[in-house]
Full PDB file with SEQRES, HELIX, SHEET, SSBOND, CRYST1, ORIGX, SCALE, CONECT and MASTER records, all heavy atoms in Angstrom:
SEQRES   1 A   35  PHE ASP GLU GLU ALA ARG ARG ILE ARG GLY ILE ASP PRO          
SEQRES   2 A   35  GLY LEU PRO ILE PRO ALA SER GLN PHE GLU ARG LEU ILE          
SEQRES   3 A   35  ALA ALA CYS GLY ASP LEU ASP ARG GLU                          
HELIX    1 AA1 ASP A    2  ILE A    8  1                                   7    
HELIX    2 AA2 ARG A    9  GLY A   14  5                                   6    
HELIX    3 AA3 ALA A   19  GLY A   30  1                                  12    
HELIX    4 AA4 LEU A   32  ARG A   34  5                                   3    
CRYST1    1.000    1.000    1.000  90.00  90.00  90.00 P 1           1          
ORIGX1      1.000000  0.000000  0.000000        0.00000                         
ORIGX2      0.000000  1.000000  0.000000        0.00000                         
ORIGX3      0.000000  0.000000  1.000000        0.00000                         
SCALE1      1.000000  0.000000  0.000000        0.00000                         
SCALE2      0.000000  1.000000  0.000000        0.00000                         
SCALE3      0.000000  0.000000  1.000000        0.00000                         
ATOM      1  N   PHE A   1      14.671   5.346  25.282  1.00  0.00           N  
ATOM      2  CA  PHE A   1      14.427   6.555  24.622  1.00  0.00           C  
ATOM      3  C   PHE A   1      14.828   6.486  23.083  1.00  0.00           C  
ATOM      4  O   PHE A   1      14.062   7.059  22.277  1.00  0.00           O  
ATOM      5  CB  PHE A   1      15.307   7.657  25.275  1.00  0.00           C  
ATOM      6  CG  PHE A   1      15.139   9.055  24.582  1.00  0.00           C  
ATOM      7  CD1 PHE A   1      14.051   9.806  24.871  1.00  0.00           C  
ATOM      8  CD2 PHE A   1      16.046   9.464  23.667  1.00  0.00           C  
ATOM      9  CE1 PHE A   1      13.812  11.056  24.313  1.00  0.00           C  
ATOM     10  CE2 PHE A   1      15.853  10.727  23.033  1.00  0.00           C  
ATOM     11  CZ  PHE A   1      14.718  11.477  23.320  1.00  0.00           C  
ATOM     12  N   ASP A   2      15.920   5.787  22.792  1.00  0.00           N  
ATOM     13  CA  ASP A   2      16.297   5.754  21.360  1.00  0.00           C  
ATOM     14  C   ASP A   2      15.236   5.089  20.570  1.00  0.00           C  
ATOM     15  O   ASP A   2      14.985   5.508  19.440  1.00  0.00           O  
ATOM     16  CB  ASP A   2      17.630   4.997  21.300  1.00  0.00           C  
ATOM     17  CG  ASP A   2      18.809   5.693  21.834  1.00  0.00           C  
ATOM     18  OD1 ASP A   2      18.703   6.991  21.915  1.00  0.00           O  
ATOM     19  OD2 ASP A   2      19.796   5.137  22.254  1.00  0.00           O  
ATOM     20  N   GLU A   3      14.586   4.017  21.003  1.00  0.00           N  
ATOM     21  CA  GLU A   3      13.546   3.362  20.305  1.00  0.00           C  
ATOM     22  C   GLU A   3      12.304   4.245  20.169  1.00  0.00           C  
ATOM     23  O   GLU A   3      11.699   4.292  19.077  1.00  0.00           O  
ATOM     24  CB  GLU A   3      13.150   2.019  20.951  1.00  0.00           C  
ATOM     25  CG  GLU A   3      12.115   1.291  20.225  1.00  0.00           C  
ATOM     26  CD  GLU A   3      12.408   0.814  18.811  1.00  0.00           C  
ATOM     27  OE1 GLU A   3      13.547   0.824  18.391  1.00  0.00           O  
ATOM     28  OE2 GLU A   3      11.473   0.353  18.101  1.00  0.00           O  
ATOM     29  N   GLU A   4      11.946   4.952  21.242  1.00  0.00           N  
ATOM     30  CA  GLU A   4      10.802   5.897  21.097  1.00  0.00           C  
ATOM     31  C   GLU A   4      11.117   6.953  20.100  1.00  0.00           C  
ATOM     32  O   GLU A   4      10.338   7.379  19.225  1.00  0.00           O  
ATOM     33  CB  GLU A   4      10.570   6.598  22.475  1.00  0.00           C  
ATOM     34  CG  GLU A   4       9.464   7.622  22.431  1.00  0.00           C  
ATOM     35  CD  GLU A   4       8.108   7.059  22.050  1.00  0.00           C  
ATOM     36  OE1 GLU A   4       7.776   5.899  22.251  1.00  0.00           O  
ATOM     37  OE2 GLU A   4       7.272   7.874  21.483  1.00  0.00           O  
ATOM     38  N   ALA A   5      12.343   7.501  20.065  1.00  0.00           N  
ATOM     39  CA  ALA A   5      12.752   8.602  19.118  1.00  0.00           C  
ATOM     40  C   ALA A   5      12.722   8.030  17.726  1.00  0.00           C  
ATOM     41  O   ALA A   5      12.247   8.759  16.781  1.00  0.00           O  
ATOM     42  CB  ALA A   5      14.232   9.138  19.523  1.00  0.00           C  
ATOM     43  N   ARG A   6      13.094   6.850  17.506  1.00  0.00           N  
ATOM     44  CA  ARG A   6      13.041   6.191  16.113  1.00  0.00           C  
ATOM     45  C   ARG A   6      11.671   6.152  15.673  1.00  0.00           C  
ATOM     46  O   ARG A   6      11.306   6.405  14.526  1.00  0.00           O  
ATOM     47  CB  ARG A   6      13.743   4.827  16.199  1.00  0.00           C  
ATOM     48  CG  ARG A   6      13.819   4.154  14.811  1.00  0.00           C  
ATOM     49  CD  ARG A   6      14.329   2.767  14.951  1.00  0.00           C  
ATOM     50  NE  ARG A   6      13.324   1.722  15.532  1.00  0.00           N  
ATOM     51  CZ  ARG A   6      12.302   1.344  14.780  1.00  0.00           C  
ATOM     52  NH1 ARG A   6      12.001   1.673  13.612  1.00  0.00           N  
ATOM     53  NH2 ARG A   6      11.408   0.480  15.421  1.00  0.00           N  
ATOM     54  N   ARG A   7      10.781   5.666  16.551  1.00  0.00           N  
ATOM     55  CA  ARG A   7       9.394   5.472  16.213  1.00  0.00           C  
ATOM     56  C   ARG A   7       8.625   6.666  16.013  1.00  0.00           C  
ATOM     57  O   ARG A   7       7.728   6.852  15.128  1.00  0.00           O  
ATOM     58  CB  ARG A   7       8.672   4.538  17.155  1.00  0.00           C  
ATOM     59  CG  ARG A   7       9.155   3.088  17.150  1.00  0.00           C  
ATOM     60  CD  ARG A   7       8.541   2.271  18.248  1.00  0.00           C  
ATOM     61  NE  ARG A   7       8.941   0.881  18.245  1.00  0.00           N  
ATOM     62  CZ  ARG A   7       8.266  -0.070  17.743  1.00  0.00           C  
ATOM     63  NH1 ARG A   7       7.002   0.164  17.229  1.00  0.00           N  
ATOM     64  NH2 ARG A   7       8.701  -1.346  17.760  1.00  0.00           N  
ATOM     65  N   ILE A   8       8.809   7.707  16.791  1.00  0.00           N  
ATOM     66  CA  ILE A   8       8.076   8.983  16.748  1.00  0.00           C  
ATOM     67  C   ILE A   8       8.385   9.761  15.514  1.00  0.00           C  
ATOM     68  O   ILE A   8       7.641  10.650  15.077  1.00  0.00           O  
ATOM     69  CB  ILE A   8       8.257   9.762  18.055  1.00  0.00           C  
ATOM     70  CG1 ILE A   8       7.163  10.867  18.236  1.00  0.00           C  
ATOM     71  CG2 ILE A   8       9.662  10.431  18.122  1.00  0.00           C  
ATOM     72  CD1 ILE A   8       5.815  10.263  18.535  1.00  0.00           C  
ATOM     73  N   ARG A   9       9.529   9.557  14.916  1.00  0.00           N  
ATOM     74  CA  ARG A   9       9.892  10.284  13.662  1.00  0.00           C  
ATOM     75  C   ARG A   9       8.894  10.213  12.584  1.00  0.00           C  
ATOM     76  O   ARG A   9       8.810  11.039  11.712  1.00  0.00           O  
ATOM     77  CB  ARG A   9      11.288   9.917  13.249  1.00  0.00           C  
ATOM     78  CG  ARG A   9      12.349  10.533  14.100  1.00  0.00           C  
ATOM     79  CD  ARG A   9      13.779  10.137  13.573  1.00  0.00           C  
ATOM     80  NE  ARG A   9      14.690  10.859  14.328  1.00  0.00           N  
ATOM     81  CZ  ARG A   9      15.343  10.424  15.433  1.00  0.00           C  
ATOM     82  NH1 ARG A   9      15.045   9.211  15.911  1.00  0.00           N  
ATOM     83  NH2 ARG A   9      16.249  11.192  16.067  1.00  0.00           N  
ATOM     84  N   GLY A  10       8.035   9.193  12.578  1.00  0.00           N  
ATOM     85  CA  GLY A  10       6.992   9.054  11.576  1.00  0.00           C  
ATOM     86  C   GLY A  10       5.960  10.091  11.570  1.00  0.00           C  
ATOM     87  O   GLY A  10       5.207  10.306  10.633  1.00  0.00           O  
ATOM     88  N   ILE A  11       5.896  10.932  12.600  1.00  0.00           N  
ATOM     89  CA  ILE A  11       4.881  11.995  12.695  1.00  0.00           C  
ATOM     90  C   ILE A  11       5.428  13.269  12.021  1.00  0.00           C  
ATOM     91  O   ILE A  11       4.619  14.231  11.846  1.00  0.00           O  
ATOM     92  CB  ILE A  11       4.287  12.282  14.061  1.00  0.00           C  
ATOM     93  CG1 ILE A  11       5.396  12.836  15.018  1.00  0.00           C  
ATOM     94  CG2 ILE A  11       3.744  10.916  14.652  1.00  0.00           C  
ATOM     95  CD1 ILE A  11       4.865  13.427  16.256  1.00  0.00           C  
ATOM     96  N   ASP A  12       6.702  13.410  11.761  1.00  0.00           N  
ATOM     97  CA  ASP A  12       7.165  14.732  11.367  1.00  0.00           C  
ATOM     98  C   ASP A  12       6.586  15.380  10.191  1.00  0.00           C  
ATOM     99  O   ASP A  12       6.387  16.568  10.138  1.00  0.00           O  
ATOM    100  CB  ASP A  12       8.735  14.746  11.407  1.00  0.00           C  
ATOM    101  CG  ASP A  12       9.383  13.894  10.265  1.00  0.00           C  
ATOM    102  OD1 ASP A  12       8.583  13.254   9.464  1.00  0.00           O  
ATOM    103  OD2 ASP A  12      10.622  13.820  10.201  1.00  0.00           O  
ATOM    104  N   PRO A  13       6.073  14.610   9.190  1.00  0.00           N  
ATOM    105  CA  PRO A  13       5.330  15.277   8.083  1.00  0.00           C  
ATOM    106  C   PRO A  13       4.043  15.997   8.505  1.00  0.00           C  
ATOM    107  O   PRO A  13       3.634  16.889   7.819  1.00  0.00           O  
ATOM    108  CB  PRO A  13       4.980  14.101   7.157  1.00  0.00           C  
ATOM    109  CG  PRO A  13       5.982  13.040   7.480  1.00  0.00           C  
ATOM    110  CD  PRO A  13       6.157  13.087   8.955  1.00  0.00           C  
ATOM    111  N   GLY A  14       3.533  15.653   9.631  1.00  0.00           N  
ATOM    112  CA  GLY A  14       2.253  16.265  10.096  1.00  0.00           C  
ATOM    113  C   GLY A  14       2.460  17.344  11.137  1.00  0.00           C  
ATOM    114  O   GLY A  14       1.480  17.878  11.584  1.00  0.00           O  
ATOM    115  N   LEU A  15       3.680  17.694  11.485  1.00  0.00           N  
ATOM    116  CA  LEU A  15       4.003  18.660  12.475  1.00  0.00           C  
ATOM    117  C   LEU A  15       4.033  20.044  11.888  1.00  0.00           C  
ATOM    118  O   LEU A  15       4.442  20.222  10.682  1.00  0.00           O  
ATOM    119  CB  LEU A  15       5.319  18.396  13.206  1.00  0.00           C  
ATOM    120  CG  LEU A  15       5.263  17.127  13.989  1.00  0.00           C  
ATOM    121  CD1 LEU A  15       6.747  16.862  14.483  1.00  0.00           C  
ATOM    122  CD2 LEU A  15       4.352  17.155  15.155  1.00  0.00           C  
ATOM    123  N   PRO A  16       3.683  21.050  12.654  1.00  0.00           N  
ATOM    124  CA  PRO A  16       3.745  22.433  12.125  1.00  0.00           C  
ATOM    125  C   PRO A  16       5.031  23.072  12.289  1.00  0.00           C  
ATOM    126  O   PRO A  16       5.258  24.277  12.050  1.00  0.00           O  
ATOM    127  CB  PRO A  16       2.695  23.224  13.051  1.00  0.00           C  
ATOM    128  CG  PRO A  16       2.747  22.481  14.398  1.00  0.00           C  
ATOM    129  CD  PRO A  16       3.042  21.038  13.960  1.00  0.00           C  
ATOM    130  N   ILE A  17       6.162  22.259  12.620  1.00  0.00           N  
ATOM    131  CA  ILE A  17       7.455  22.792  12.674  1.00  0.00           C  
ATOM    132  C   ILE A  17       8.352  22.012  11.748  1.00  0.00           C  
ATOM    133  O   ILE A  17       8.010  20.870  11.366  1.00  0.00           O  
ATOM    134  CB  ILE A  17       8.084  22.587  14.152  1.00  0.00           C  
ATOM    135  CG1 ILE A  17       8.053  21.125  14.605  1.00  0.00           C  
ATOM    136  CG2 ILE A  17       7.309  23.484  15.110  1.00  0.00           C  
ATOM    137  CD1 ILE A  17       8.733  20.845  15.920  1.00  0.00           C  
ATOM    138  N   PRO A  18       9.381  22.533  11.258  1.00  0.00           N  
ATOM    139  CA  PRO A  18      10.249  21.795  10.278  1.00  0.00           C  
ATOM    140  C   PRO A  18      10.935  20.557  10.949  1.00  0.00           C  
ATOM    141  O   PRO A  18      11.062  20.507  12.126  1.00  0.00           O  
ATOM    142  CB  PRO A  18      11.363  22.832   9.977  1.00  0.00           C  
ATOM    143  CG  PRO A  18      10.924  24.159  10.494  1.00  0.00           C  
ATOM    144  CD  PRO A  18       9.918  23.875  11.557  1.00  0.00           C  
ATOM    145  N   ALA A  19      11.245  19.601  10.097  1.00  0.00           N  
ATOM    146  CA  ALA A  19      11.814  18.385  10.595  1.00  0.00           C  
ATOM    147  C   ALA A  19      13.094  18.621  11.300  1.00  0.00           C  
ATOM    148  O   ALA A  19      13.352  17.894  12.338  1.00  0.00           O  
ATOM    149  CB  ALA A  19      12.054  17.398   9.359  1.00  0.00           C  
ATOM    150  N   SER A  20      13.853  19.580  10.883  1.00  0.00           N  
ATOM    151  CA  SER A  20      15.179  19.833  11.615  1.00  0.00           C  
ATOM    152  C   SER A  20      14.929  20.371  13.078  1.00  0.00           C  
ATOM    153  O   SER A  20      15.640  20.018  13.977  1.00  0.00           O  
ATOM    154  CB  SER A  20      15.960  20.925  10.837  1.00  0.00           C  
ATOM    155  OG  SER A  20      15.248  22.087  10.752  1.00  0.00           O  
ATOM    156  N   GLN A  21      13.814  21.143  13.226  1.00  0.00           N  
ATOM    157  CA  GLN A  21      13.461  21.599  14.593  1.00  0.00           C  
ATOM    158  C   GLN A  21      12.961  20.491  15.353  1.00  0.00           C  
ATOM    159  O   GLN A  21      13.281  20.374  16.585  1.00  0.00           O  
ATOM    160  CB  GLN A  21      12.441  22.655  14.487  1.00  0.00           C  
ATOM    161  CG  GLN A  21      12.082  23.334  15.803  1.00  0.00           C  
ATOM    162  CD  GLN A  21      11.058  24.527  15.519  1.00  0.00           C  
ATOM    163  OE1 GLN A  21      10.942  25.094  14.542  1.00  0.00           O  
ATOM    164  NE2 GLN A  21      10.330  24.812  16.592  1.00  0.00           N  
ATOM    165  N   PHE A  22      12.220  19.533  14.852  1.00  0.00           N  
ATOM    166  CA  PHE A  22      11.742  18.357  15.500  1.00  0.00           C  
ATOM    167  C   PHE A  22      12.960  17.526  15.959  1.00  0.00           C  
ATOM    168  O   PHE A  22      12.961  16.974  17.088  1.00  0.00           O  
ATOM    169  CB  PHE A  22      10.814  17.577  14.581  1.00  0.00           C  
ATOM    170  CG  PHE A  22      10.165  16.394  15.291  1.00  0.00           C  
ATOM    171  CD1 PHE A  22       9.503  16.489  16.510  1.00  0.00           C  
ATOM    172  CD2 PHE A  22      10.197  15.090  14.640  1.00  0.00           C  
ATOM    173  CE1 PHE A  22       8.895  15.403  17.084  1.00  0.00           C  
ATOM    174  CE2 PHE A  22       9.609  14.013  15.311  1.00  0.00           C  
ATOM    175  CZ  PHE A  22       8.949  14.216  16.461  1.00  0.00           C  
ATOM    176  N   GLU A  23      13.994  17.383  15.111  1.00  0.00           N  
ATOM    177  CA  GLU A  23      15.202  16.608  15.452  1.00  0.00           C  
ATOM    178  C   GLU A  23      15.814  17.305  16.665  1.00  0.00           C  
ATOM    179  O   GLU A  23      16.339  16.627  17.617  1.00  0.00           O  
ATOM    180  CB  GLU A  23      16.145  16.503  14.277  1.00  0.00           C  
ATOM    181  CG  GLU A  23      15.708  15.586  13.279  1.00  0.00           C  
ATOM    182  CD  GLU A  23      15.501  14.088  13.816  1.00  0.00           C  
ATOM    183  OE1 GLU A  23      16.383  13.671  14.589  1.00  0.00           O  
ATOM    184  OE2 GLU A  23      14.576  13.384  13.414  1.00  0.00           O  
ATOM    185  N   ARG A  24      15.864  18.657  16.649  1.00  0.00           N  
ATOM    186  CA  ARG A  24      16.529  19.273  17.853  1.00  0.00           C  
ATOM    187  C   ARG A  24      15.727  19.126  19.077  1.00  0.00           C  
ATOM    188  O   ARG A  24      16.250  19.005  20.159  1.00  0.00           O  
ATOM    189  CB  ARG A  24      16.687  20.809  17.566  1.00  0.00           C  
ATOM    190  CG  ARG A  24      17.781  21.106  16.435  1.00  0.00           C  
ATOM    191  CD  ARG A  24      18.219  22.555  16.406  1.00  0.00           C  
ATOM    192  NE  ARG A  24      17.056  23.516  16.209  1.00  0.00           N  
ATOM    193  CZ  ARG A  24      16.476  23.785  15.043  1.00  0.00           C  
ATOM    194  NH1 ARG A  24      16.897  23.237  13.927  1.00  0.00           N  
ATOM    195  NH2 ARG A  24      15.552  24.700  14.997  1.00  0.00           N  
ATOM    196  N   LEU A  25      14.432  19.023  18.988  1.00  0.00           N  
ATOM    197  CA  LEU A  25      13.499  18.782  20.069  1.00  0.00           C  
ATOM    198  C   LEU A  25      13.724  17.396  20.594  1.00  0.00           C  
ATOM    199  O   LEU A  25      13.867  17.211  21.859  1.00  0.00           O  
ATOM    200  CB  LEU A  25      12.015  19.002  19.647  1.00  0.00           C  
ATOM    201  CG  LEU A  25      10.913  18.605  20.784  1.00  0.00           C  
ATOM    202  CD1 LEU A  25      11.097  19.446  21.953  1.00  0.00           C  
ATOM    203  CD2 LEU A  25       9.511  18.741  20.149  1.00  0.00           C  
ATOM    204  N   ILE A  26      13.980  16.412  19.815  1.00  0.00           N  
ATOM    205  CA  ILE A  26      14.185  15.051  20.177  1.00  0.00           C  
ATOM    206  C   ILE A  26      15.516  14.971  20.918  1.00  0.00           C  
ATOM    207  O   ILE A  26      15.689  14.425  21.965  1.00  0.00           O  
ATOM    208  CB  ILE A  26      14.163  14.021  18.997  1.00  0.00           C  
ATOM    209  CG1 ILE A  26      12.715  13.922  18.521  1.00  0.00           C  
ATOM    210  CG2 ILE A  26      14.742  12.755  19.438  1.00  0.00           C  
ATOM    211  CD1 ILE A  26      12.621  13.166  17.241  1.00  0.00           C  
ATOM    212  N   ALA A  27      16.510  15.652  20.333  1.00  0.00           N  
ATOM    213  CA  ALA A  27      17.792  15.765  20.986  1.00  0.00           C  
ATOM    214  C   ALA A  27      17.783  16.406  22.414  1.00  0.00           C  
ATOM    215  O   ALA A  27      18.377  15.911  23.327  1.00  0.00           O  
ATOM    216  CB  ALA A  27      18.836  16.396  20.077  1.00  0.00           C  
ATOM    217  N   ALA A  28      17.013  17.461  22.513  1.00  0.00           N  
ATOM    218  CA  ALA A  28      16.888  18.205  23.743  1.00  0.00           C  
ATOM    219  C   ALA A  28      16.193  17.231  24.817  1.00  0.00           C  
ATOM    220  O   ALA A  28      16.613  17.274  25.957  1.00  0.00           O  
ATOM    221  CB  ALA A  28      16.086  19.507  23.548  1.00  0.00           C  
ATOM    222  N   CYS A  29      15.219  16.475  24.381  1.00  0.00           N  
ATOM    223  CA  CYS A  29      14.550  15.539  25.308  1.00  0.00           C  
ATOM    224  C   CYS A  29      15.496  14.523  25.729  1.00  0.00           C  
ATOM    225  O   CYS A  29      15.499  14.057  26.923  1.00  0.00           O  
ATOM    226  CB  CYS A  29      13.368  14.977  24.654  1.00  0.00           C  
ATOM    227  SG  CYS A  29      11.941  16.096  24.429  1.00  0.00           S  
ATOM    228  N   GLY A  30      16.378  14.095  24.869  1.00  0.00           N  
ATOM    229  CA  GLY A  30      17.389  13.040  25.176  1.00  0.00           C  
ATOM    230  C   GLY A  30      18.399  13.553  26.197  1.00  0.00           C  
ATOM    231  O   GLY A  30      18.977  12.766  26.942  1.00  0.00           O  
ATOM    232  N   ASP A  31      18.643  14.883  26.187  1.00  0.00           N  
ATOM    233  CA  ASP A  31      19.551  15.479  27.167  1.00  0.00           C  
ATOM    234  C   ASP A  31      18.863  16.296  28.232  1.00  0.00           C  
ATOM    235  O   ASP A  31      19.419  17.240  28.709  1.00  0.00           O  
ATOM    236  CB  ASP A  31      20.580  16.349  26.391  1.00  0.00           C  
ATOM    237  CG  ASP A  31      21.551  15.484  25.591  1.00  0.00           C  
ATOM    238  OD1 ASP A  31      21.842  14.407  25.978  1.00  0.00           O  
ATOM    239  OD2 ASP A  31      22.045  16.054  24.552  1.00  0.00           O  
ATOM    240  N   LEU A  32      17.639  15.909  28.564  1.00  0.00           N  
ATOM    241  CA  LEU A  32      16.813  16.669  29.392  1.00  0.00           C  
ATOM    242  C   LEU A  32      17.473  16.973  30.762  1.00  0.00           C  
ATOM    243  O   LEU A  32      17.290  18.049  31.308  1.00  0.00           O  
ATOM    244  CB  LEU A  32      15.464  15.937  29.661  1.00  0.00           C  
ATOM    245  CG  LEU A  32      14.354  16.739  30.158  1.00  0.00           C  
ATOM    246  CD1 LEU A  32      14.036  17.931  29.290  1.00  0.00           C  
ATOM    247  CD2 LEU A  32      13.103  15.915  30.220  1.00  0.00           C  
ATOM    248  N   ASP A  33      18.216  16.003  31.257  1.00  0.00           N  
ATOM    249  CA  ASP A  33      18.879  16.219  32.560  1.00  0.00           C  
ATOM    250  C   ASP A  33      19.955  17.302  32.495  1.00  0.00           C  
ATOM    251  O   ASP A  33      20.375  17.861  33.521  1.00  0.00           O  
ATOM    252  CB  ASP A  33      19.497  14.977  33.096  1.00  0.00           C  
ATOM    253  CG  ASP A  33      20.349  14.283  32.162  1.00  0.00           C  
ATOM    254  OD1 ASP A  33      20.318  14.528  30.975  1.00  0.00           O  
ATOM    255  OD2 ASP A  33      21.109  13.427  32.642  1.00  0.00           O  
ATOM    256  N   ARG A  34      20.359  17.686  31.286  1.00  0.00           N  
ATOM    257  CA  ARG A  34      21.354  18.791  31.141  1.00  0.00           C  
ATOM    258  C   ARG A  34      20.761  20.125  30.697  1.00  0.00           C  
ATOM    259  O   ARG A  34      21.518  21.087  30.695  1.00  0.00           O  
ATOM    260  CB  ARG A  34      22.304  18.317  30.031  1.00  0.00           C  
ATOM    261  CG  ARG A  34      23.186  17.142  30.495  1.00  0.00           C  
ATOM    262  CD  ARG A  34      24.333  16.820  29.460  1.00  0.00           C  
ATOM    263  NE  ARG A  34      24.760  15.446  29.724  1.00  0.00           N  
ATOM    264  CZ  ARG A  34      24.582  14.441  28.832  1.00  0.00           C  
ATOM    265  NH1 ARG A  34      24.042  14.627  27.675  1.00  0.00           N  
ATOM    266  NH2 ARG A  34      25.025  13.310  29.104  1.00  0.00           N  
ATOM    267  N   GLU A  35      19.431  20.176  30.490  1.00  0.00           N  
ATOM    268  CA  GLU A  35      18.837  21.360  30.207  1.00  0.00           C  
ATOM    269  C   GLU A  35      18.662  22.259  31.452  1.00  0.00           C  
ATOM    270  O   GLU A  35      18.006  21.769  32.350  1.00  0.00           O  
ATOM    271  CB  GLU A  35      17.460  21.128  29.502  1.00  0.00           C  
ATOM    272  CG  GLU A  35      17.518  20.628  28.073  1.00  0.00           C  
ATOM    273  CD  GLU A  35      18.034  21.610  27.074  1.00  0.00           C  
ATOM    274  OE1 GLU A  35      17.930  22.765  27.280  1.00  0.00           O  
ATOM    275  OE2 GLU A  35      18.664  21.101  26.169  1.00  0.00           O  
TER     276      GLU A  35                                                      
MASTER        0    0    0    4    0    0    0    6  275    1    0    3          
END                                                                             
């Protein structure tokens, strides 16, 4: 997961959400079993 998260960050300039929100989304996916 950590490697995927590192690599996927390259798309954040093309997303319709702010980078900070994208970071929260990545963090939520990393803790998916706790959601």
